[in-house]
C-alpha atoms as a PDB file:
ATOM      1  CA  UNK A   1      19.317   4.219 -13.960  1.00  0.00           C
ATOM      2  CA  UNK A   2      18.577   4.772 -10.268  1.00  0.00           C
ATOM      3  CA  UNK A   3      15.480   6.152  -8.574  1.00  0.00           C
ATOM      4  CA  UNK A   4      16.895   8.261  -5.762  1.00  0.00           C
ATOM      5  CA  UNK A   5      15.253   8.054  -2.337  1.00  0.00           C
ATOM      6  CA  UNK A   6      13.924  11.604  -2.653  1.00  0.00           C
ATOM      7  CA  UNK A   7      11.846  11.524   0.543  1.00  0.00           C
ATOM      8  CA  UNK A   8      14.671  10.365   2.842  1.00  0.00           C
ATOM      9  CA  UNK A   9      15.559  13.030   5.383  1.00  0.00           C
ATOM     10  CA  UNK A  10      12.033  14.448   5.374  1.00  0.00           C
ATOM     11  CA  UNK A  11       9.419  11.682   5.343  1.00  0.00           C
ATOM     12  CA  UNK A  12      11.731   9.197   7.075  1.00  0.00           C
ATOM     13  CA  UNK A  13      15.238   9.090   8.507  1.00  0.00           C
ATOM     14  CA  UNK A  14      18.105   9.389   6.057  1.00  0.00           C
ATOM     15  CA  UNK A  15      20.739   7.962   8.403  1.00  0.00           C
ATOM     16  CA  UNK A  16      20.873   4.197   7.780  1.00  0.00           C
ATOM     17  CA  UNK A  17      21.853   3.246  11.342  1.00  0.00           C
ATOM     18  CA  UNK A  18      19.103   5.341  12.941  1.00  0.00           C
ATOM     19  CA  UNK A  19      16.501   4.185  10.417  1.00  0.00           C
ATOM     20  CA  UNK A  20      17.469   0.542  10.935  1.00  0.00           C
ATOM     21  CA  UNK A  21      17.074   0.908  14.700  1.00  0.00           C
ATOM     22  CA  UNK A  22      13.729   2.672  14.349  1.00  0.00           C
ATOM     23  CA  UNK A  23      12.287  -0.079  12.134  1.00  0.00           C
ATOM     24  CA  UNK A  24      13.822  -2.809  14.299  1.00  0.00           C
ATOM     25  CA  UNK A  25      12.230  -1.309  17.419  1.00  0.00           C
ATOM     26  CA  UNK A  26       8.789  -1.170  15.792  1.00  0.00           C
ATOM     27  CA  UNK A  27       9.053  -4.684  14.368  1.00  0.00           C
ATOM     28  CA  UNK A  28      10.262  -6.151  17.682  1.00  0.00           C
ATOM     29  CA  UNK A  29       6.945  -5.556  19.447  1.00  0.00           C
ATOM     30  CA  UNK A  30       4.492  -6.846  16.833  1.00  0.00           C
ATOM     31  CA  UNK A  31       3.446 -10.420  16.125  1.00  0.00           C
ATOM     32  CA  UNK A  32       3.180 -12.224  12.797  1.00  0.00           C
ATOM     33  CA  UNK A  33      -0.309 -13.439  11.925  1.00  0.00           C
ATOM     34  CA  UNK A  34       0.647 -16.657  10.144  1.00  0.00           C
ATOM     35  CA  UNK A  35       3.022 -18.142   7.568  1.00  0.00           C
ATOM     36  CA  UNK A  36       0.614 -17.768   4.639  1.00  0.00           C
ATOM     37  CA  UNK A  37       0.199 -14.005   4.156  1.00  0.00           C
ATOM     38  CA  UNK A  38       0.541 -13.144   0.457  1.00  0.00           C
ATOM     39  CA  UNK A  39      -0.498  -9.490   0.446  1.00  0.00           C
ATOM     40  CA  UNK A  40      -0.657  -6.565   2.851  1.00  0.00           C
ATOM     41  CA  UNK A  41      -2.306  -3.157   2.839  1.00  0.00           C
ATOM     42  CA  UNK A  42       0.170  -0.760   4.452  1.00  0.00           C
ATOM     43  CA  UNK A  43       0.170   3.028   5.059  1.00  0.00           C
ATOM     44  CA  UNK A  44       2.472   5.486   3.314  1.00  0.00           C
ATOM     45  CA  UNK A  45       2.531   8.640   5.428  1.00  0.00           C
ATOM     46  CA  UNK A  46       5.709   9.970   7.029  1.00  0.00           C
ATOM     47  CA  UNK A  47       7.153   7.398   9.402  1.00  0.00           C
ATOM     48  CA  UNK A  48       6.663   9.681  12.414  1.00  0.00           C
ATOM     49  CA  UNK A  49       2.934   9.291  11.741  1.00  0.00           C
ATOM     50  CA  UNK A  50       2.453   5.839  10.201  1.00  0.00           C
ATOM     51  CA  UNK A  51       5.738   3.986  10.646  1.00  0.00           C
ATOM     52  CA  UNK A  52       4.574   2.091  13.710  1.00  0.00           C
ATOM     53  CA  UNK A  53       1.343   1.060  11.997  1.00  0.00           C
ATOM     54  CA  UNK A  54       3.299  -0.207   8.981  1.00  0.00           C
ATOM     55  CA  UNK A  55       5.234  -2.616  11.197  1.00  0.00           C
ATOM     56  CA  UNK A  56       1.996  -4.560  11.774  1.00  0.00           C
ATOM     57  CA  UNK A  57       1.879  -5.140   8.022  1.00  0.00           C
ATOM     58  CA  UNK A  58       5.540  -5.861   7.308  1.00  0.00           C
ATOM     59  CA  UNK A  59       6.052  -8.384  10.099  1.00  0.00           C
ATOM     60  CA  UNK A  60       3.990 -10.666   7.825  1.00  0.00           C
ATOM     61  CA  UNK A  61       6.404 -10.463   4.887  1.00  0.00           C
ATOM     62  CA  UNK A  62       8.669 -13.514   5.133  1.00  0.00           C
ATOM     63  CA  UNK A  63      11.507 -12.822   2.660  1.00  0.00           C
ATOM     64  CA  UNK A  64      12.642 -16.446   2.495  1.00  0.00           C
ATOM     65  CA  UNK A  65       9.298 -17.327   0.924  1.00  0.00           C
ATOM     66  CA  UNK A  66       9.406 -14.833  -1.954  1.00  0.00           C
ATOM     67  CA  UNK A  67      11.616 -13.617  -4.789  1.00  0.00           C
ATOM     68  CA  UNK A  68       9.552 -10.687  -5.970  1.00  0.00           C
ATOM     69  CA  UNK A  69       7.470  -7.941  -4.340  1.00  0.00           C
ATOM     70  CA  UNK A  70       4.809  -6.133  -6.358  1.00  0.00           C
ATOM     71  CA  UNK A  71       4.067  -2.664  -4.931  1.00  0.00           C
ATOM     72  CA  UNK A  72       0.818  -0.966  -5.957  1.00  0.00           C
ATOM     73  CA  UNK A  73       0.415   2.641  -4.883  1.00  0.00           C
ATOM     74  CA  UNK A  74      -1.734   5.620  -5.892  1.00  0.00           C
ATOM     75  CA  UNK A  75      -0.497   8.567  -7.923  1.00  0.00           C
ATOM     76  CA  UNK A  76      -0.669  11.756  -5.834  1.00  0.00           C
ATOM     77  CA  UNK A  77       1.055  14.173  -8.224  1.00  0.00           C
ATOM     78  CA  UNK A  78       0.174  13.096 -11.762  1.00  0.00           C
ATOM     79  CA  UNK A  79      -3.385  12.512 -12.943  1.00  0.00           C
ATOM     80  CA  UNK A  80      -3.534   9.297 -14.919  1.00  0.00           C
ATOM     81  CA  UNK A  81      -6.336   6.959 -15.950  1.00  0.00           C
ATOM     82  CA  UNK A  82      -4.071   3.952 -16.309  1.00  0.00           C
ATOM     83  CA  UNK A  83      -1.203   2.286 -14.435  1.00  0.00           C
ATOM     84  CA  UNK A  84       2.440   3.299 -14.766  1.00  0.00           C
ATOM     85  CA  UNK A  85       5.600   1.187 -14.640  1.00  0.00           C
ATOM     86  CA  UNK A  86       9.181   2.255 -13.971  1.00  0.00           C
ATOM     87  CA  UNK A  87      11.979   2.193 -16.535  1.00  0.00           C
ATOM     88  CA  UNK A  88      14.585   2.534 -13.786  1.00  0.00           C
ATOM     89  CA  UNK A  89      16.775  -0.425 -12.849  1.00  0.00           C
ATOM     90  CA  UNK A  90      17.302   0.246  -9.149  1.00  0.00           C
ATOM     91  CA  UNK A  91      15.313   1.985  -6.421  1.00  0.00           C
ATOM     92  CA  UNK A  92      17.500   3.418  -3.680  1.00  0.00           C
ATOM     93  CA  UNK A  93      16.904   3.222   0.079  1.00  0.00           C
ATOM     94  CA  UNK A  94      19.215   4.149   2.992  1.00  0.00           C
ATOM     95  CA  UNK A  95      19.167   0.452   3.969  1.00  0.00           C
ATOM     96  CA  UNK A  96      20.255  -0.881   0.581  1.00  0.00           C
ATOM     97  CA  UNK A  97      19.028  -0.657  -2.973  1.00  0.00           C
ATOM     98  CA  UNK A  98      16.216  -2.741  -4.452  1.00  0.00           C
ATOM     99  CA  UNK A  99      16.450  -4.127  -7.964  1.00  0.00           C
ATOM    100  CA  UNK A 100      13.497  -3.763 -10.319  1.00  0.00           C
ATOM    101  CA  UNK A 101      12.356  -6.925 -12.086  1.00  0.00           C
ATOM    102  CA  UNK A 102      12.649  -5.513 -15.591  1.00  0.00           C
ATOM    103  CA  UNK A 103      11.510  -8.743 -17.239  1.00  0.00           C
ATOM    104  CA  UNK A 104       8.195  -8.737 -15.379  1.00  0.00           C
ATOM    105  CA  UNK A 105       7.723  -4.993 -15.958  1.00  0.00           C
ATOM    106  CA  UNK A 106       8.269  -5.489 -19.687  1.00  0.00           C
ATOM    107  CA  UNK A 107       5.748  -8.338 -19.780  1.00  0.00           C
ATOM    108  CA  UNK A 108       3.162  -6.122 -18.115  1.00  0.00           C
ATOM    109  CA  UNK A 109       3.890  -3.260 -20.489  1.00  0.00           C
ATOM    110  CA  UNK A 110       3.521  -5.582 -23.463  1.00  0.00           C
ATOM    111  CA  UNK A 111      -0.102  -6.273 -22.495  1.00  0.00           C
ATOM    112  CA  UNK A 112      -0.815  -2.796 -23.893  1.00  0.00           C
ATOM    113  CA  UNK A 113      -2.500  -1.651 -20.679  1.00  0.00           C
ATOM    114  CA  UNK A 114       0.408   0.096 -18.936  1.00  0.00           C
ATOM    115  CA  UNK A 115       2.509   3.192 -19.559  1.00  0.00           C
ATOM    116  CA  UNK A 116       6.127   3.980 -18.672  1.00  0.00           C
ATOM    117  CA  UNK A 117       6.670   6.652 -16.016  1.00  0.00           C
ATOM    118  CA  UNK A 118       9.422   9.215 -16.336  1.00  0.00           C
ATOM    119  CA  UNK A 119      12.168   9.324 -13.706  1.00  0.00           C
ATOM    120  CA  UNK A 120      10.671  12.587 -12.414  1.00  0.00           C
ATOM    121  CA  UNK A 121       7.222  11.053 -11.975  1.00  0.00           C
ATOM    122  CA  UNK A 122       8.752   8.076 -10.167  1.00  0.00           C
ATOM    123  CA  UNK A 123      10.781  10.270  -7.819  1.00  0.00           C
ATOM    124  CA  UNK A 124       7.958  12.692  -6.973  1.00  0.00           C
ATOM    125  CA  UNK A 125       5.604   9.942  -5.784  1.00  0.00           C
ATOM    126  CA  UNK A 126       5.860   8.919  -2.117  1.00  0.00           C
ATOM    127  CA  UNK A 127       3.262   6.122  -1.964  1.00  0.00           C
ATOM    128  CA  UNK A 128       5.671   3.582  -3.454  1.00  0.00           C
ATOM    129  CA  UNK A 129       8.863   4.931  -1.890  1.00  0.00           C
ATOM    130  CA  UNK A 130       7.502   4.754   1.660  1.00  0.00           C
ATOM    131  CA  UNK A 131       7.255   0.961   1.340  1.00  0.00           C
ATOM    132  CA  UNK A 132      10.887   0.513   0.277  1.00  0.00           C
ATOM    133  CA  UNK A 133      12.794   0.964   3.567  1.00  0.00           C
ATOM    134  CA  UNK A 134      10.570  -1.627   5.243  1.00  0.00           C
ATOM    135  CA  UNK A 135      11.070  -4.074   2.372  1.00  0.00           C
ATOM    136  CA  UNK A 136      14.833  -3.500   2.496  1.00  0.00           C
ATOM    137  CA  UNK A 137      14.854  -3.960   6.274  1.00  0.00           C
ATOM    138  CA  UNK A 138      12.789  -7.160   6.200  1.00  0.00           C
ATOM    139  CA  UNK A 139      14.897  -8.603   3.364  1.00  0.00           C
ATOM    140  CA  UNK A 140      18.240  -7.345   4.681  1.00  0.00           C
ATOM    141  CA  UNK A 141      19.983 -10.759   4.667  1.00  0.00           C
ATOM    142  CA  UNK A 142      18.930 -11.579   1.117  1.00  0.00           C
ATOM    143  CA  UNK A 143      18.435  -8.147  -0.408  1.00  0.00           C
ATOM    144  CA  UNK A 144      20.317  -9.080  -3.568  1.00  0.00           C
ATOM    145  CA  UNK A 145      17.961 -12.017  -4.183  1.00  0.00           C
ATOM    146  CA  UNK A 146      14.758  -9.998  -3.985  1.00  0.00           C
ATOM    147  CA  UNK A 147      13.360  -7.777  -6.748  1.00  0.00           C
ATOM    148  CA  UNK A 148      10.458  -5.344  -6.882  1.00  0.00           C
ATOM    149  CA  UNK A 149       7.741  -4.526  -9.421  1.00  0.00           C
ATOM    150  CA  UNK A 150       6.509  -0.981  -8.651  1.00  0.00           C
ATOM    151  CA  UNK A 151       3.133  -0.108 -10.189  1.00  0.00           C
ATOM    152  CA  UNK A 152       1.707   3.408  -9.924  1.00  0.00           C
ATOM    153  CA  UNK A 153      -2.075   3.156 -10.038  1.00  0.00           C
ATOM    154  CA  UNK A 154      -4.042   6.046 -11.512  1.00  0.00           C
ATOM    155  CA  UNK A 155      -7.683   7.049 -11.096  1.00  0.00           C
ATOM    156  CA  UNK A 156      -9.289   3.965 -12.556  1.00  0.00           C
ATOM    157  CA  UNK A 157     -12.836   3.195 -13.537  1.00  0.00           C
ATOM    158  CA  UNK A 158     -14.384   0.081 -12.019  1.00  0.00           C
ATOM    159  CA  UNK A 159     -13.963  -1.678 -15.371  1.00  0.00           C
ATOM    160  CA  UNK A 160     -10.243  -0.884 -15.428  1.00  0.00           C
ATOM    161  CA  UNK A 161      -9.840  -1.981 -11.803  1.00  0.00           C
ATOM    162  CA  UNK A 162     -11.293  -5.317 -12.839  1.00  0.00           C
ATOM    163  CA  UNK A 163      -9.064  -5.481 -15.937  1.00  0.00           C
ATOM    164  CA  UNK A 164      -5.876  -4.899 -13.969  1.00  0.00           C
ATOM    165  CA  UNK A 165      -7.053  -7.431 -11.391  1.00  0.00           C
ATOM    166  CA  UNK A 166      -7.361 -10.040 -14.131  1.00  0.00           C
ATOM    167  CA  UNK A 167      -3.953  -9.150 -15.597  1.00  0.00           C
ATOM    168  CA  UNK A 168      -2.204  -9.373 -12.218  1.00  0.00           C
ATOM    169  CA  UNK A 169      -4.038 -12.420 -10.803  1.00  0.00           C
ATOM    170  CA  UNK A 170      -1.657 -14.976 -12.440  1.00  0.00           C
ATOM    171  CA  UNK A 171       1.288 -13.144 -10.849  1.00  0.00           C
ATOM    172  CA  UNK A 172      -0.447 -13.310  -7.479  1.00  0.00           C
ATOM    173  CA  UNK A 173      -0.938 -17.043  -7.973  1.00  0.00           C
ATOM    174  CA  UNK A 174       2.818 -17.446  -8.448  1.00  0.00           C
ATOM    175  CA  UNK A 175       4.144 -18.627  -5.053  1.00  0.00           C
ATOM    176  CA  UNK A 176       7.302 -16.537  -5.505  1.00  0.00           C
ATOM    177  CA  UNK A 177       5.381 -13.235  -5.503  1.00  0.00           C
ATOM    178  CA  UNK A 178       4.217 -11.019  -2.628  1.00  0.00           C
ATOM    179  CA  UNK A 179       1.934  -7.975  -3.058  1.00  0.00           C
ATOM    180  CA  UNK A 180       2.105  -4.708  -1.106  1.00  0.00           C
ATOM    181  CA  UNK A 181      -0.841  -2.316  -1.449  1.00  0.00           C
ATOM    182  CA  UNK A 182       0.035   1.224  -0.376  1.00  0.00           C
ATOM    183  CA  UNK A 183      -2.836   3.202   1.120  1.00  0.00           C
ATOM    184  CA  UNK A 184      -3.784   5.452   3.976  1.00  0.00           C
ATOM    185  CA  UNK A 185      -7.419   5.613   5.038  1.00  0.00           C
ATOM    186  CA  UNK A 186      -9.611   8.618   5.860  1.00  0.00           C
ATOM    187  CA  UNK A 187      -8.090  12.076   5.373  1.00  0.00           C
ATOM    188  CA  UNK A 188     -10.421  14.198   7.495  1.00  0.00           C
ATOM    189  CA  UNK A 189     -10.453  17.981   7.726  1.00  0.00           C
ATOM    190  CA  UNK A 190     -10.977  21.160   5.792  1.00  0.00           C
ATOM    191  CA  UNK A 191      -7.504  20.919   4.242  1.00  0.00           C
ATOM    192  CA  UNK A 192      -8.575  17.595   2.709  1.00  0.00           C
ATOM    193  CA  UNK A 193     -12.013  18.967   1.691  1.00  0.00           C
ATOM    194  CA  UNK A 194     -13.656  16.182   3.689  1.00  0.00           C
ATOM    195  CA  UNK A 195     -15.576  16.928   6.883  1.00  0.00           C
ATOM    196  CA  UNK A 196     -18.311  14.281   6.864  1.00  0.00           C
ATOM    197  CA  UNK A 197     -19.738  13.874  10.377  1.00  0.00           C
ATOM    198  CA  UNK A 198     -23.103  12.127  10.513  1.00  0.00           C
ATOM    199  CA  UNK A 199     -23.158  10.454  13.932  1.00  0.00           C
ATOM    200  CA  UNK A 200     -23.169  13.398  16.330  1.00  0.00           C
ATOM    201  CA  UNK A 201     -23.562  11.048  19.305  1.00  0.00           C
ATOM    202  CA  UNK A 202     -19.822  10.325  19.213  1.00  0.00           C
ATOM    203  CA  UNK A 203     -16.719  12.557  18.938  1.00  0.00           C
ATOM    204  CA  UNK A 204     -15.514  13.237  15.402  1.00  0.00           C
ATOM    205  CA  UNK A 205     -12.522  10.896  15.745  1.00  0.00           C
ATOM    206  CA  UNK A 206     -14.862   8.075  16.756  1.00  0.00           C
ATOM    207  CA  UNK A 207     -17.058   8.762  13.749  1.00  0.00           C
ATOM    208  CA  UNK A 208     -13.982   8.674  11.489  1.00  0.00           C
ATOM    209  CA  UNK A 209     -13.064   5.303  12.982  1.00  0.00           C
ATOM    210  CA  UNK A 210     -16.589   4.007  12.376  1.00  0.00           C
ATOM    211  CA  UNK A 211     -16.276   5.130   8.760  1.00  0.00           C
ATOM    212  CA  UNK A 212     -12.894   3.448   8.305  1.00  0.00           C
ATOM    213  CA  UNK A 213     -13.853   0.280  10.165  1.00  0.00           C
ATOM    214  CA  UNK A 214     -16.808  -0.113   7.836  1.00  0.00           C
ATOM    215  CA  UNK A 215     -14.457   0.174   4.855  1.00  0.00           C
ATOM    216  CA  UNK A 216     -12.099  -2.399   6.362  1.00  0.00           C
ATOM    217  CA  UNK A 217     -15.021  -4.755   7.025  1.00  0.00           C
ATOM    218  CA  UNK A 218     -16.103  -4.463   3.387  1.00  0.00           C
ATOM    219  CA  UNK A 219     -12.538  -5.131   2.231  1.00  0.00           C
ATOM    220  CA  UNK A 220     -12.530  -8.235   4.453  1.00  0.00           C
ATOM    221  CA  UNK A 221     -15.614  -9.382   2.532  1.00  0.00           C
ATOM    222  CA  UNK A 222     -13.526  -9.469  -0.641  1.00  0.00           C
ATOM    223  CA  UNK A 223     -16.133  -7.935  -2.963  1.00  0.00           C
ATOM    224  CA  UNK A 224     -14.637  -5.077  -5.038  1.00  0.00           C
ATOM    225  CA  UNK A 225     -18.068  -3.918  -6.180  1.00  0.00           C
ATOM    226  CA  UNK A 226     -19.234  -3.506  -2.580  1.00  0.00           C
ATOM    227  CA  UNK A 227     -16.079  -1.510  -1.892  1.00  0.00           C
ATOM    228  CA  UNK A 228     -16.818   0.739  -4.890  1.00  0.00           C
ATOM    229  CA  UNK A 229     -20.398   1.170  -3.656  1.00  0.00           C
ATOM    230  CA  UNK A 230     -19.141   2.157  -0.189  1.00  0.00           C
ATOM    231  CA  UNK A 231     -16.772   4.749  -1.688  1.00  0.00           C
ATOM    232  CA  UNK A 232     -19.554   6.203  -3.830  1.00  0.00           C
ATOM    233  CA  UNK A 233     -21.862   6.503  -0.827  1.00  0.00           C
ATOM    234  CA  UNK A 234     -19.401   7.877   1.739  1.00  0.00           C
ATOM    235  CA  UNK A 235     -16.795   9.630  -0.452  1.00  0.00           C
ATOM    236  CA  UNK A 236     -14.283   8.447   2.174  1.00  0.00           C
ATOM    237  CA  UNK A 237     -10.892   9.873   1.240  1.00  0.00           C
ATOM    238  CA  UNK A 238      -8.996   6.571   1.093  1.00  0.00           C
ATOM    239  CA  UNK A 239      -6.118   7.633  -1.145  1.00  0.00           C
ATOM    240  CA  UNK A 240      -5.211   4.085  -2.198  1.00  0.00           C
ATOM    241  CA  UNK A 241      -8.787   3.124  -3.014  1.00  0.00           C
ATOM    242  CA  UNK A 242      -7.924   2.140  -6.601  1.00  0.00           C
ATOM    243  CA  UNK A 243      -4.930  -0.046  -5.624  1.00  0.00           C
ATOM    244  CA  UNK A 244      -7.114  -1.681  -2.943  1.00  0.00           C
ATOM    245  CA  UNK A 245      -9.889  -2.300  -5.478  1.00  0.00           C
ATOM    246  CA  UNK A 246      -7.379  -3.794  -7.929  1.00  0.00           C
ATOM    247  CA  UNK A 247      -6.124  -6.090  -5.147  1.00  0.00           C
ATOM    248  CA  UNK A 248      -9.675  -7.223  -4.427  1.00  0.00           C
ATOM    249  CA  UNK A 249     -10.135  -8.046  -8.123  1.00  0.00           C
ATOM    250  CA  UNK A 250      -6.789  -9.874  -8.091  1.00  0.00           C
ATOM    251  CA  UNK A 251      -7.901 -12.053  -5.171  1.00  0.00           C
ATOM    252  CA  UNK A 252     -11.315 -12.587  -6.784  1.00  0.00           C
ATOM    253  CA  UNK A 253      -9.654 -13.838  -9.987  1.00  0.00           C
ATOM    254  CA  UNK A 254      -7.088 -15.979  -8.197  1.00  0.00           C
ATOM    255  CA  UNK A 255      -7.286 -19.750  -8.420  1.00  0.00           C
ATOM    256  CA  UNK A 256      -6.837 -19.844  -4.635  1.00  0.00           C
ATOM    257  CA  UNK A 257      -9.000 -18.705  -1.724  1.00  0.00           C
ATOM    258  CA  UNK A 258      -7.871 -15.968   0.662  1.00  0.00           C
ATOM    259  CA  UNK A 259      -8.841 -14.850   4.140  1.00  0.00           C
ATOM    260  CA  UNK A 260      -8.739 -11.056   4.347  1.00  0.00           C
ATOM    261  CA  UNK A 261      -8.194  -9.753   7.869  1.00  0.00           C
ATOM    262  CA  UNK A 262      -8.009  -6.358   9.546  1.00  0.00           C
ATOM    263  CA  UNK A 263      -4.753  -6.266  11.511  1.00  0.00           C
ATOM    264  CA  UNK A 264      -4.362  -2.789  12.974  1.00  0.00           C
ATOM    265  CA  UNK A 265      -5.843   0.701  12.965  1.00  0.00           C
ATOM    266  CA  UNK A 266      -4.842   4.109  14.288  1.00  0.00           C
ATOM    267  CA  UNK A 267      -5.212   7.817  13.526  1.00  0.00           C
ATOM    268  CA  UNK A 268      -2.586  10.555  13.346  1.00  0.00           C
ATOM    269  CA  UNK A 269      -4.600  12.594  15.862  1.00  0.00           C
ATOM    270  CA  UNK A 270      -7.962  12.559  17.616  1.00  0.00           C
ATOM    271  CA  UNK A 271     -10.226  15.069  15.881  1.00  0.00           C
ATOM    272  CA  UNK A 272     -12.652  16.786  18.278  1.00  0.00           C
ATOM    273  CA  UNK A 273     -13.536  19.983  16.414  1.00  0.00           C
ATOM    274  CA  UNK A 274     -14.130  20.996  12.814  1.00  0.00           C
ATOM    275  CA  UNK A 275     -10.840  22.892  12.571  1.00  0.00           C
ATOM    276  CA  UNK A 276      -8.842  19.733  13.378  1.00  0.00           C
ATOM    277  CA  UNK A 277      -7.566  17.235  10.842  1.00  0.00           C
ATOM    278  CA  UNK A 278      -6.249  13.679  10.820  1.00  0.00           C
ATOM    279  CA  UNK A 279      -5.195  10.812   8.586  1.00  0.00           C
ATOM    280  CA  UNK A 280      -6.088   7.207   9.397  1.00  0.00           C
ATOM    281  CA  UNK A 281      -3.876   4.145   8.935  1.00  0.00           C
ATOM    282  CA  UNK A 282      -5.512   0.762   8.439  1.00  0.00           C
ATOM    283  CA  UNK A 283      -3.506  -2.438   8.003  1.00  0.00           C
ATOM    284  CA  UNK A 284      -5.011  -5.545   6.410  1.00  0.00           C
ATOM    285  CA  UNK A 285      -3.643  -8.872   5.190  1.00  0.00           C
ATOM    286  CA  UNK A 286      -4.566 -11.464   2.575  1.00  0.00           C
ATOM    287  CA  UNK A 287      -3.726 -14.975   3.768  1.00  0.00           C
ATOM    288  CA  UNK A 288      -3.913 -17.997   1.501  1.00  0.00           C
ATOM    289  CA  UNK A 289      -6.276 -20.700   2.717  1.00  0.00           C
ATOM    290  CA  UNK A 290      -4.410 -23.988   3.219  1.00  0.00           C
END
């Protein structure tokens, strides 16, 4: 049972050699933060837009340190009020296939708080798939030793965000596990039904950055309730807001302390007029205090 890489050839390069070179070039010019990063927030737009930004996240994944990568991403196509797991054994990428940790997925399902996705639901969603080529590239020398646990996160209430954080915290405490949180930041423009612009003293793109930087600062603070309050006040269109909130609850319920840091930020374009649009890409990391 294979999840085909349905977005290859459109959202990112299908040719393995060209894709490998593209990722290698991006990774070659970024620096790793430290040896203790346990989780990253990474974008999931087409690589021509967000691929460079994602390299700032993935340079911090050290494959020798981990056996398992949990990937939490939002559901863009199916409305769900819970979290979905995959029944598929293997997720395909042009750079090599990634094995699903079926044992861990089954344990999560057996908590009674997850559902199984269909193959069609898995293959339609890009937020999880866009992380796979980078994982395969980073882990290229030990791809067969690494497994993934994809989790599609629905539109959760704050109570459910906290519940999933508590369920997943013991897995985060396991030194063999790494967590990837898939999210873009502000989607600004009429086509996204979001045109908030309150500080007219700066260009729109600067206001969008102010909005996103505030969100990133709150995430750095590690308080999921403050993040929820920010979202309620600003309505910022952060598509992975629920996965991010779950990650904040995970860190809050961990037996260890984490430093959360903003790593990188950029926008797909600089919005200067109301007819423009852009998507923002913020990268953050969770580093274990030692």
